[in-house]
Amino acid sequence: MTRVCHPYLDHPLTLPFAHRGGAADGVENTAAAFRRAAALGYRYFETDVHTTSDGKLVAFHDATLDRVTDARGRLGRLPWSEVRRARVAGREPLPLFEELLEEFPGARWNVDVKAESAVAPLVELVRRARAWDRVCVGSFSEGRVARAARLAGPRLATSYGVRGVVGLRLLSLGVPAAVRAGAVCVQVPEERSGIRLVDRRFVRAAHARGLQVHVWTVNDPERMGLLLDLGVDGIMTDHLETLRTVLTDRGAWA
């Protein structure tokens, strides 16, 4: 396991991430989900952010409200006055990311930026809250992450987007490729489109460049064990008790 100097990653053992607060419970990305994760001992939370039409930064995964709430419509086209009335699973309100930072001052957040409009408000919030040690910004879009890094500078922890992941995978196979400097971690699924991404060579290539490897979204205990054997540094899961049990059995639950 590699250790990176950014304080966001200051954790003695494997990083256990509560993916959307523990999405298996059906109330993903809500304060209730994150409260449950905290009660189970999780310190690292994964979430997503969008902005409403009036610029409010909301912790929510989808571009529309349709899948998980009792409301309808594209979040980016609705004002906060309407979005705040939506209920996840018919009962839990959508939180502003600022509210989550305030409610969980001891938590560290892995934030997937889902919309270009969310980049600047997120960086400004982190600056205003002085949460540089508590937030890592990621996205499928390398451009969004690079923009956040330019706005914030080296104080902000960032992960690779798709382009960086592909570049690192090529490097792990001995193929020359360019990757963005300044990231502190790479966050990847085990495989994509039937192509395996995370193996011993990939982990070794990341560690050689000072990057931690965080794998999402892993819910099977056997897969968790195999990834830990490869030396990955963090696992994101929907099944919080399962990951906690696996890490506890290995003496890796802090």
Foldseek 3Di string as FASTA:
>chain_A
DFDFDQLLRPDDFFQEEAEQLQCVVQQGVFPVSVVVLVVVPHQEYEFEWDAACVGFTWTDDDQWPPPFWPDTDGRNDHDPVVQQVIGGVHHTGIDGVLVVCVVRVRHAYEYEYPDLSVLVVVLVSCVVVVVLSRYEYEYLDQVSQVVSCVVNPLSHAYEGHVQQLVQLQCVLVVHHGDHDPRHAAYEEECADPPHGRDDLSSCVSQVVNNYAYEYDDDEDLVVVVVNVVSPHRYYYYSHSVSVQVSCVVVVRRD
